[in-house]
């Protein structure tokens, strides 16, 4: 019997050495959780045995329990390096359409050739779909989807309105509007341009020409061209596109273009805007640009509204002015967008992934999903610092970071192994001494048995 007791001690010490060695070997493994060998004594007795004189039957390894304490964070320069501070696991699947969930604390993620976020094993990171305002559409594990970062921002947006603010020089000499020629700078006073976009996201240059009327004080004509082609300005209802019947037509007979008229007070304040037919309006717009300008198959019915921020009741800083100063454009903005290319990724503490694009836009993409378990130590261990759900762990409960008992997600950071190397080296010495002591017990038992065999 004493042989078996000593042998169980050797086996337990060997198990302790194995566990400690594994902890030391993974001291630099991201997301690794150290293990602890837990032992129990063994007693076997019958119904009528004397309990006071019973000797134990050795030691038994009850469990190798992983310790899910927080590891320290190592900060990096990669946005897709993720670390969880607090409770929770990242959820991954081996294939896009798979539901074979694995759970990990290792956040070394990257993009694959299809722009899916994957770990070093090629497993896909899962996230919750989000609405346009960034709120999660669902927080159930069954509705998660592989996180994919688009390389473009989706559909372009055609320009529908241009906002202009500028100062027109009051000291400029007036011009004859019938002599206006966009190719001759001497026939107009000032010009400015802005890039606008069609329905396909293609860019076009829209130019505005300002002609001070020599026949009327403090009044200016505004004519427009797109990609060098003159376009008529029309009323807000689309009427009066024919420059031959427009009150505010400019250019020589036979090539007139319908223009708008800006009126200023003697103090230089913007007091009125007249449509081509002479009627006052708040805004003006171009006629449909047509296939003659939009040659790429985009929507040729596109019209662009020009907003001068007119307030007839009072002067405002947003309106054009006519002061004795140089021509100066103080604001020139349009609401169109080209197709944007991905320029950056930002991941918040709540797991919301927001992408920024070259067209100046940003949009929420997905929210990284977290999962927790009632009994983390009941998880089934897998290689590559991954775990599987088991009966002992309970079902995976999905949720958003920073809500409930879930921790927060740190972007550009990795959770280091929670192994204390100093403690492990001390445990290694203790396990070695235990092994030696149990081996000594085996040796003593062997000597006693040898002595008995040598009795004559």
Protein backbone atom coordinates (compact mmCIF):
# COMPACT_ATOMS: atom_id res chain seq x y z
CA UNK A 1 0.00 0.00 0.00
CA UNK A 2 2.80 2.43 0.87
CA UNK A 3 4.20 1.94 -2.63
CA UNK A 4 0.89 3.18 -4.11
CA UNK A 5 0.77 6.15 -1.75
CA UNK A 6 4.29 7.22 -2.69
CA UNK A 7 3.55 6.60 -6.35
CA UNK A 8 0.47 8.85 -6.20
CA UNK A 9 2.67 11.55 -4.67
CA UNK A 10 5.13 11.23 -7.55
CA UNK A 11 2.27 11.44 -10.06
CA UNK A 12 0.82 14.51 -8.34
CA UNK A 13 4.20 16.22 -8.24
CA UNK A 14 4.69 15.41 -11.92
CA UNK A 15 1.26 16.92 -12.72
CA UNK A 16 2.17 20.04 -10.76
CA UNK A 17 5.46 20.27 -12.67
CA UNK A 18 3.62 19.87 -15.98
CA UNK A 19 1.10 22.60 -15.16
CA UNK A 20 3.78 25.00 -13.94
CA UNK A 21 5.95 24.31 -16.99
CA UNK A 22 2.99 24.99 -19.29
CA UNK A 23 2.37 28.32 -17.55
CA UNK A 24 5.99 29.32 -17.95
CA UNK A 25 6.04 28.23 -21.60
CA UNK A 26 3.05 30.50 -22.37
CA UNK A 27 4.23 33.57 -20.47
CA UNK A 28 4.30 35.51 -23.78
CA UNK A 29 1.10 34.04 -25.26
CA UNK A 30 -1.50 36.77 -25.75
CA UNK A 31 -4.77 36.03 -23.96
CA UNK A 32 -3.36 32.97 -22.14
CA UNK A 33 -4.82 32.12 -18.73
CA UNK A 34 -2.62 30.34 -16.24
CA UNK A 35 -3.68 26.97 -14.78
CA UNK A 36 -3.50 25.62 -11.27
CA UNK A 37 -3.30 21.96 -10.36
CA UNK A 38 -5.77 21.20 -7.56
CA UNK A 39 -5.27 18.05 -5.48
CA UNK A 40 -7.32 16.07 -2.96
CA UNK A 41 -6.40 13.40 -0.46
CA UNK A 42 -7.73 9.86 -0.91
CA UNK A 43 -9.33 7.77 1.85
CA UNK A 44 -10.97 4.40 1.33
CA UNK A 45 -12.76 2.70 4.22
CA UNK A 46 -15.32 -0.02 4.74
CA UNK A 47 -18.45 0.12 6.87
CA UNK A 48 -16.86 -1.48 9.96
CA UNK A 49 -13.36 -0.05 9.56
CA UNK A 50 -11.86 1.92 12.40
CA UNK A 51 -11.79 5.52 11.30
CA UNK A 52 -9.37 6.66 13.99
CA UNK A 53 -6.60 4.41 12.75
CA UNK A 54 -7.21 4.77 9.02
CA UNK A 55 -4.20 5.86 6.96
CA UNK A 56 -4.78 7.82 3.79
CA UNK A 57 -4.34 6.21 0.38
CA UNK A 58 -2.40 9.02 -1.23
CA UNK A 59 -3.24 12.04 -3.36
CA UNK A 60 -5.42 12.54 -6.46
CA UNK A 61 -5.42 15.31 -9.07
CA UNK A 62 -8.95 16.68 -8.89
CA UNK A 63 -8.75 19.39 -11.52
CA UNK A 64 -6.41 21.52 -13.57
CA UNK A 65 -8.32 24.78 -13.20
CA UNK A 66 -7.60 27.81 -15.36
CA UNK A 67 -7.49 31.15 -13.57
CA UNK A 68 -9.35 33.87 -15.47
CA UNK A 69 -7.81 36.84 -13.71
CA UNK A 70 -7.11 39.97 -15.71
CA UNK A 71 -3.84 40.11 -17.62
CA UNK A 72 -1.88 43.32 -18.09
CA UNK A 73 -2.35 45.35 -21.27
CA UNK A 74 0.31 45.90 -23.89
CA UNK A 75 -0.45 48.87 -26.14
CA UNK A 76 0.23 48.70 -29.87
CA UNK A 77 -0.19 50.84 -32.99
CA UNK A 78 -2.73 48.55 -34.67
CA UNK A 79 -6.42 49.41 -34.36
CA UNK A 80 -7.46 45.77 -34.80
CA UNK A 81 -5.45 44.67 -31.76
CA UNK A 82 -8.19 44.32 -29.14
CA UNK A 83 -8.10 43.63 -25.42
CA UNK A 84 -10.95 43.12 -22.98
CA UNK A 85 -10.73 44.81 -19.60
CA UNK A 86 -13.13 42.95 -17.36
CA UNK A 87 -15.52 40.11 -18.07
CA UNK A 88 -16.18 38.60 -21.48
CA UNK A 89 -14.76 36.70 -24.45
CA UNK A 90 -14.51 37.43 -28.16
CA UNK A 91 -16.63 35.05 -30.25
CA UNK A 92 -15.20 33.52 -33.42
CA UNK A 93 -16.23 30.98 -36.07
CA UNK A 94 -13.98 29.03 -38.47
CA UNK A 95 -16.09 29.80 -41.56
CA UNK A 96 -18.33 32.69 -42.55
CA UNK A 97 -21.54 30.63 -42.43
CA UNK A 98 -20.46 28.41 -39.52
CA UNK A 99 -22.06 28.40 -36.08
CA UNK A 100 -19.27 26.42 -34.43
CA UNK A 101 -18.48 29.09 -31.87
CA UNK A 102 -15.13 29.41 -30.16
CA UNK A 103 -14.32 31.96 -27.48
CA UNK A 104 -11.04 33.70 -26.81
CA UNK A 105 -9.39 36.55 -24.93
CA UNK A 106 -6.67 36.86 -27.54
CA UNK A 107 -7.36 39.95 -29.64
CA UNK A 108 -4.67 39.70 -32.31
CA UNK A 109 -6.97 40.39 -35.26
CA UNK A 110 -6.23 41.40 -38.82
CA UNK A 111 -7.92 41.69 -42.22
CA UNK A 112 -7.89 38.78 -44.66
CA UNK A 113 -8.03 39.02 -48.44
CA UNK A 114 -11.82 39.57 -48.34
CA UNK A 115 -11.63 42.31 -45.68
CA UNK A 116 -13.02 40.06 -42.94
CA UNK A 117 -11.51 40.49 -39.48
CA UNK A 118 -9.78 37.22 -38.54
CA UNK A 119 -7.30 35.96 -35.96
CA UNK A 120 -4.05 34.10 -36.58
CA UNK A 121 -5.97 30.84 -37.16
CA UNK A 122 -8.16 32.46 -39.81
CA UNK A 123 -11.23 32.34 -37.55
CA UNK A 124 -13.73 35.15 -38.15
CA UNK A 125 -14.49 37.65 -35.39
CA UNK A 126 -18.23 38.02 -34.75
CA UNK A 127 -20.16 41.25 -34.20
CA UNK A 128 -23.68 42.57 -33.85
CA UNK A 129 -25.25 44.36 -36.85
CA UNK A 130 -25.87 48.04 -36.14
CA UNK A 131 -28.31 50.71 -37.28
CA UNK A 132 -27.23 53.94 -38.96
CA UNK A 133 -27.10 55.70 -35.58
CA UNK A 134 -24.71 53.08 -34.21
CA UNK A 135 -27.21 51.25 -31.98
CA UNK A 136 -27.17 47.47 -32.11
CA UNK A 137 -29.94 45.89 -34.15
CA UNK A 138 -29.73 42.72 -32.02
CA UNK A 139 -27.59 41.37 -29.18
CA UNK A 140 -28.29 37.66 -29.61
CA UNK A 141 -25.39 35.34 -30.39
CA UNK A 142 -27.49 33.71 -33.11
CA UNK A 143 -27.75 37.01 -35.02
CA UNK A 144 -24.04 37.84 -34.95
CA UNK A 145 -22.20 38.04 -38.23
CA UNK A 146 -18.53 38.00 -39.23
CA UNK A 147 -17.02 41.47 -38.94
CA UNK A 148 -16.10 42.88 -42.34
CA UNK A 149 -14.54 46.26 -43.00
CA UNK A 150 -15.66 47.74 -46.36
CA UNK A 151 -13.04 49.46 -48.48
CA UNK A 152 -15.57 51.98 -49.81
CA UNK A 153 -18.38 53.95 -48.21
CA UNK A 154 -21.10 52.64 -50.46
CA UNK A 155 -23.22 54.67 -52.87
CA UNK A 156 -22.10 58.16 -53.84
CA UNK A 157 -24.35 61.16 -53.29
CA UNK A 158 -25.18 63.56 -56.09
CA UNK A 159 -24.81 67.27 -55.33
CA UNK A 160 -28.18 68.89 -54.82
CA UNK A 161 -27.19 72.20 -53.22
CA UNK A 162 -24.22 74.55 -53.09
CA UNK A 163 -23.84 77.09 -50.27
CA UNK A 164 -21.95 80.26 -51.21
CA UNK A 165 -20.74 83.19 -49.16
CA UNK A 166 -18.42 85.87 -50.59
CA UNK A 167 -17.71 89.57 -50.87
CA UNK A 168 -18.20 91.28 -54.21
CA UNK A 169 -15.91 94.30 -54.67
CA UNK A 170 -17.97 97.50 -54.62
CA UNK A 171 -15.26 99.51 -56.36
CA UNK A 172 -15.32 97.32 -59.47
CA UNK A 173 -16.44 99.00 -62.70
CA UNK A 174 -19.65 97.71 -64.23
CA UNK A 175 -19.69 95.52 -67.32
CA UNK A 176 -22.05 95.26 -70.26
CA UNK A 177 -24.02 92.01 -69.62
CA UNK A 178 -24.58 91.59 -73.37
CA UNK A 179 -20.84 91.20 -73.90
CA UNK A 180 -20.39 88.42 -71.33
CA UNK A 181 -18.06 85.68 -72.57
CA UNK A 182 -16.84 83.03 -70.09
CA UNK A 183 -13.66 82.65 -72.12
CA UNK A 184 -12.84 86.37 -71.81
CA UNK A 185 -12.05 87.50 -68.23
CA UNK A 186 -12.47 91.11 -69.30
CA UNK A 187 -16.23 90.59 -69.78
CA UNK A 188 -16.95 89.65 -66.16
CA UNK A 189 -15.70 90.88 -62.80
CA UNK A 190 -15.05 87.74 -60.75
CA UNK A 191 -15.42 83.95 -60.86
CA UNK A 192 -15.14 81.04 -58.48
CA UNK A 193 -15.49 77.27 -58.81
CA UNK A 194 -16.52 74.29 -56.72
CA UNK A 195 -16.31 70.56 -57.34
CA UNK A 196 -19.74 68.89 -57.53
CA UNK A 197 -20.70 65.23 -58.00
CA UNK A 198 -23.17 63.40 -60.18
CA UNK A 199 -25.23 60.34 -59.22
CA UNK A 200 -22.31 58.01 -60.01
CA UNK A 201 -19.90 59.94 -57.80
CA UNK A 202 -17.98 61.42 -60.73
CA UNK A 203 -16.66 64.92 -60.11
CA UNK A 204 -17.44 68.03 -62.18
CA UNK A 205 -16.29 71.63 -61.87
CA UNK A 206 -19.10 74.12 -61.39
CA UNK A 207 -18.07 77.74 -62.05
CA UNK A 208 -19.90 80.90 -61.03
CA UNK A 209 -19.39 84.16 -62.93
CA UNK A 210 -20.22 87.52 -61.34
CA UNK A 211 -20.92 90.47 -63.63
CA UNK A 212 -21.55 93.90 -62.14
CA UNK A 213 -24.34 95.59 -64.10
CA UNK A 214 -23.11 98.88 -65.57
CA UNK A 215 -26.71 100.00 -65.96
CA UNK A 216 -27.81 99.50 -62.33
CA UNK A 217 -26.11 100.47 -59.10
CA UNK A 218 -25.28 97.70 -56.61
CA UNK A 219 -26.63 94.90 -58.81
CA UNK A 220 -24.77 91.84 -60.06
CA UNK A 221 -25.58 89.07 -62.50
CA UNK A 222 -24.69 85.47 -61.57
CA UNK A 223 -24.19 82.96 -64.39
CA UNK A 224 -23.07 79.37 -64.07
CA UNK A 225 -21.22 76.70 -66.03
CA UNK A 226 -20.46 73.03 -65.42
CA UNK A 227 -17.31 71.57 -66.94
CA UNK A 228 -17.01 74.68 -69.11
CA UNK A 229 -20.55 74.35 -70.51
CA UNK A 230 -22.88 77.23 -69.65
CA UNK A 231 -26.12 76.19 -67.94
CA UNK A 232 -29.25 78.28 -67.56
CA UNK A 233 -30.45 79.21 -64.11
CA UNK A 234 -34.18 78.70 -63.56
CA UNK A 235 -36.84 79.48 -61.00
CA UNK A 236 -37.38 77.05 -58.17
CA UNK A 237 -40.30 75.57 -60.10
CA UNK A 238 -38.08 74.94 -63.14
CA UNK A 239 -39.66 77.63 -65.32
CA UNK A 240 -37.99 80.29 -67.46
CA UNK A 241 -35.17 78.11 -68.70
CA UNK A 242 -35.25 79.88 -72.06
CA UNK A 243 -32.71 82.74 -71.94
CA UNK A 244 -34.34 84.49 -74.90
CA UNK A 245 -37.35 85.34 -72.71
CA UNK A 246 -35.46 85.82 -69.45
CA UNK A 247 -35.23 89.29 -67.96
CA UNK A 248 -31.78 88.53 -66.55
CA UNK A 249 -30.17 86.91 -69.62
CA UNK A 250 -26.50 87.70 -70.21
CA UNK A 251 -24.29 87.19 -73.25
CA UNK A 252 -24.59 88.22 -76.89
CA UNK A 253 -27.79 87.60 -78.83
CA UNK A 254 -28.07 84.03 -80.00
CA UNK A 255 -25.91 82.65 -77.18
CA UNK A 256 -27.59 84.17 -74.16
CA UNK A 257 -27.62 82.29 -70.87
CA UNK A 258 -30.26 82.75 -68.19
CA UNK A 259 -28.71 84.32 -65.08
CA UNK A 260 -29.84 85.46 -61.66
CA UNK A 261 -29.53 88.96 -60.29
CA UNK A 262 -28.18 89.86 -56.85
CA UNK A 263 -29.21 93.18 -55.30
CA UNK A 264 -27.31 94.99 -52.54
CA UNK A 265 -28.12 98.02 -50.40
CA UNK A 266 -26.05 101.17 -50.31
CA UNK A 267 -24.43 99.74 -47.17
CA UNK A 268 -23.32 96.59 -48.97
CA UNK A 269 -25.94 94.26 -47.48
CA UNK A 270 -27.51 91.54 -49.60
CA UNK A 271 -31.17 92.51 -49.95
CA UNK A 272 -32.58 90.51 -52.83
CA UNK A 273 -32.16 87.71 -55.38
CA UNK A 274 -34.09 87.76 -58.65
CA UNK A 275 -34.80 84.71 -60.79
CA UNK A 276 -34.20 84.83 -64.57
CA UNK A 277 -37.75 86.12 -65.06
CA UNK A 278 -37.11 89.00 -62.64
CA UNK A 279 -39.22 87.67 -59.78
CA UNK A 280 -37.65 87.68 -56.30
CA UNK A 281 -36.68 84.25 -54.90
CA UNK A 282 -34.82 82.88 -51.87
CA UNK A 283 -32.73 80.39 -53.86
CA UNK A 284 -31.92 79.70 -57.47
CA UNK A 285 -31.16 76.46 -59.28
CA UNK A 286 -29.70 75.23 -62.52
CA UNK A 287 -31.67 73.59 -65.24
CA UNK A 288 -31.26 69.83 -65.65
CA UNK A 289 -27.62 69.32 -66.54
CA UNK A 290 -28.55 66.93 -69.34
CA UNK A 291 -26.57 64.38 -71.32
CA UNK A 292 -24.53 67.13 -72.94
CA UNK A 293 -22.66 67.64 -69.66
CA UNK A 294 -23.11 64.31 -67.85
CA UNK A 295 -21.46 61.99 -70.35
CA UNK A 296 -20.95 58.97 -68.07
CA UNK A 297 -24.51 57.65 -67.96
CA UNK A 298 -25.41 59.31 -64.64
CA UNK A 299 -28.79 60.90 -63.89
CA UNK A 300 -29.01 63.71 -66.46
CA UNK A 301 -32.04 65.24 -64.70
CA UNK A 302 -29.79 66.44 -61.89
CA UNK A 303 -30.34 70.06 -60.85
CA UNK A 304 -28.20 71.98 -58.40
CA UNK A 305 -29.66 74.62 -56.09
CA UNK A 306 -27.54 77.67 -55.30
CA UNK A 307 -28.14 79.00 -51.80
CA UNK A 308 -26.89 82.49 -50.93
CA UNK A 309 -28.46 82.34 -47.44
CA UNK A 310 -30.68 85.32 -48.23
CA UNK A 311 -32.45 87.04 -45.31
CA UNK A 312 -34.54 89.95 -46.59
CA UNK A 313 -35.48 91.16 -43.10
CA UNK A 314 -31.95 91.63 -41.75
CA UNK A 315 -28.29 91.31 -42.62
CA UNK A 316 -26.55 88.15 -41.42
CA UNK A 317 -22.92 86.97 -41.43
CA UNK A 318 -23.91 84.12 -43.74
CA UNK A 319 -24.95 86.33 -46.64
CA UNK A 320 -22.80 87.71 -49.47
CA UNK A 321 -21.70 91.32 -49.12
CA UNK A 322 -20.67 94.14 -51.42
CA UNK A 323 -17.98 96.09 -49.62
CA UNK A 324 -15.04 98.15 -50.85
CA UNK A 325 -12.72 95.19 -50.63
CA UNK A 326 -11.33 92.53 -52.91
CA UNK A 327 -13.35 89.62 -54.19
CA UNK A 328 -13.23 87.01 -51.43
CA UNK A 329 -15.03 83.70 -51.07
CA UNK A 330 -15.63 83.03 -47.36
CA UNK A 331 -17.59 79.79 -47.76
CA UNK A 332 -18.20 77.42 -50.64
CA UNK A 333 -19.75 74.09 -49.66
CA UNK A 334 -21.70 71.40 -51.49
CA UNK A 335 -23.56 68.32 -50.22
CA UNK A 336 -22.43 65.73 -52.79
CA UNK A 337 -20.07 62.84 -52.09
CA UNK A 338 -17.87 60.67 -54.26
CA UNK A 339 -17.24 57.03 -53.47
CA UNK A 340 -14.90 57.09 -50.45
CA UNK A 341 -12.01 54.70 -49.86
CA UNK A 342 -11.23 53.40 -46.42
CA UNK A 343 -8.68 55.55 -44.60
CA UNK A 344 -9.03 54.47 -40.98
CA UNK A 345 -10.81 52.34 -38.40
CA UNK A 346 -11.83 53.41 -34.92
CA UNK A 347 -13.12 50.96 -32.30
CA UNK A 348 -14.73 52.36 -29.17
CA UNK A 349 -14.78 50.98 -25.66
CA UNK A 350 -18.31 49.68 -26.36
CA UNK A 351 -17.04 47.71 -29.34
CA UNK A 352 -18.57 49.95 -32.01
CA UNK A 353 -16.46 49.78 -35.16
CA UNK A 354 -16.54 53.06 -37.10
CA UNK A 355 -14.83 53.42 -40.46
CA UNK A 356 -13.62 56.72 -41.91
CA UNK A 357 -13.31 57.27 -45.65
CA UNK A 358 -11.41 59.51 -48.03
CA UNK A 359 -14.57 61.47 -48.89
CA UNK A 360 -14.69 62.83 -45.35
CA UNK A 361 -17.48 60.57 -44.11
CA UNK A 362 -17.52 58.06 -41.30
CA UNK A 363 -20.08 55.40 -40.58
CA UNK A 364 -20.70 52.67 -37.99
CA UNK A 365 -19.97 49.23 -39.41
CA UNK A 366 -20.64 46.69 -36.68
CA UNK A 367 -20.32 46.23 -32.93
CA UNK A 368 -17.88 43.60 -31.66
CA UNK A 369 -19.80 40.94 -29.75
CA UNK A 370 -18.80 39.69 -26.32
CA UNK A 371 -19.89 36.50 -24.58
CA UNK A 372 -19.82 35.45 -20.93
CA UNK A 373 -20.46 32.26 -19.00
CA UNK A 374 -21.84 31.38 -15.60
CA UNK A 375 -18.80 29.18 -14.91
CA UNK A 376 -15.73 30.17 -16.90
CA UNK A 377 -13.66 27.36 -15.41
CA UNK A 378 -16.10 24.88 -16.91
CA UNK A 379 -15.14 25.85 -20.46
CA UNK A 380 -13.49 23.20 -22.59
CA UNK A 381 -9.95 24.21 -23.49
CA UNK A 382 -8.86 24.32 -27.10
CA UNK A 383 -5.50 25.16 -28.62
CA UNK A 384 -4.59 28.73 -29.65
CA UNK A 385 -6.03 30.16 -26.41
CA UNK A 386 -9.59 29.28 -27.37
CA UNK A 387 -12.39 27.70 -25.38
CA UNK A 388 -15.60 25.89 -26.21
CA UNK A 389 -18.91 25.96 -24.41
CA UNK A 390 -19.63 22.92 -22.22
CA UNK A 391 -22.34 21.64 -19.88
CA UNK A 392 -20.30 22.77 -16.87
CA UNK A 393 -19.73 26.28 -18.23
CA UNK A 394 -23.37 26.92 -19.09
CA UNK A 395 -24.64 28.52 -22.27
CA UNK A 396 -22.87 31.51 -23.80
CA UNK A 397 -24.64 34.80 -23.03
CA UNK A 398 -23.93 37.49 -25.65
CA UNK A 399 -23.92 41.20 -24.96
CA UNK A 400 -22.34 44.57 -25.67
CA UNK A 401 -19.15 45.77 -24.04
CA UNK A 402 -19.58 48.20 -21.12
CA UNK A 403 -23.14 46.96 -20.45
CA UNK A 404 -24.17 44.83 -17.50
CA UNK A 405 -21.26 42.73 -16.26
CA UNK A 406 -19.39 42.91 -19.56
CA UNK A 407 -16.02 44.64 -19.59
CA UNK A 408 -14.82 47.24 -22.05
CA UNK A 409 -12.87 46.78 -25.25
CA UNK A 410 -9.51 48.48 -25.66
CA UNK A 411 -8.41 49.11 -29.24
CA UNK A 412 -4.69 49.12 -30.07
CA UNK A 413 -3.99 46.93 -27.04
CA UNK A 414 -3.42 43.26 -26.27
CA UNK A 415 -4.05 41.37 -23.04
CA UNK A 416 -0.90 39.65 -21.92
CA UNK A 417 -0.82 36.25 -20.22
CA UNK A 418 -1.78 36.50 -16.55
CA UNK A 419 1.25 34.40 -15.58
CA UNK A 420 3.45 35.72 -12.77
CA UNK A 421 6.84 34.34 -13.72
CA UNK A 422 8.30 34.77 -10.24
CA UNK A 423 5.47 32.82 -8.65
CA UNK A 424 5.75 30.09 -11.26
CA UNK A 425 9.47 29.64 -10.65
CA UNK A 426 8.85 29.28 -6.93
CA UNK A 427 6.06 26.76 -7.65
CA UNK A 428 8.49 24.91 -9.89
CA UNK A 429 10.96 24.55 -7.01
CA UNK A 430 8.20 23.37 -4.66
CA UNK A 431 6.94 20.80 -7.18
CA UNK A 432 10.49 19.59 -7.70
CA UNK A 433 10.98 19.13 -3.93
CA UNK A 434 7.67 17.29 -3.68
CA UNK A 435 8.72 15.01 -6.50
CA UNK A 436 12.03 14.32 -4.79
CA UNK A 437 10.32 13.62 -1.45
CA UNK A 438 7.83 11.21 -2.99
CA UNK A 439 10.66 9.49 -4.84
CA UNK A 440 12.50 9.19 -1.54
CA UNK A 441 9.41 7.52 -0.05
CA UNK A 442 9.45 5.03 -2.90
CA UNK A 443 13.13 4.35 -2.27
CA UNK A 444 12.50 3.79 1.46
CA UNK A 445 9.67 1.39 0.71
CA UNK A 446 11.89 -0.48 -1.69
CA UNK A 447 14.61 -0.83 0.95
CA UNK A 448 12.12 -2.11 3.52
CA UNK A 449 10.81 -4.69 1.10
CA UNK A 450 14.34 -5.72 0.26
CA UNK A 451 15.11 -6.14 3.97
CA UNK A 452 12.09 -8.37 4.42
CA UNK A 453 13.07 -10.49 1.43
CA UNK A 454 16.54 -10.95 2.89
CA UNK A 455 15.29 -12.36 6.22
CA UNK A 456 16.41 -16.00 6.55
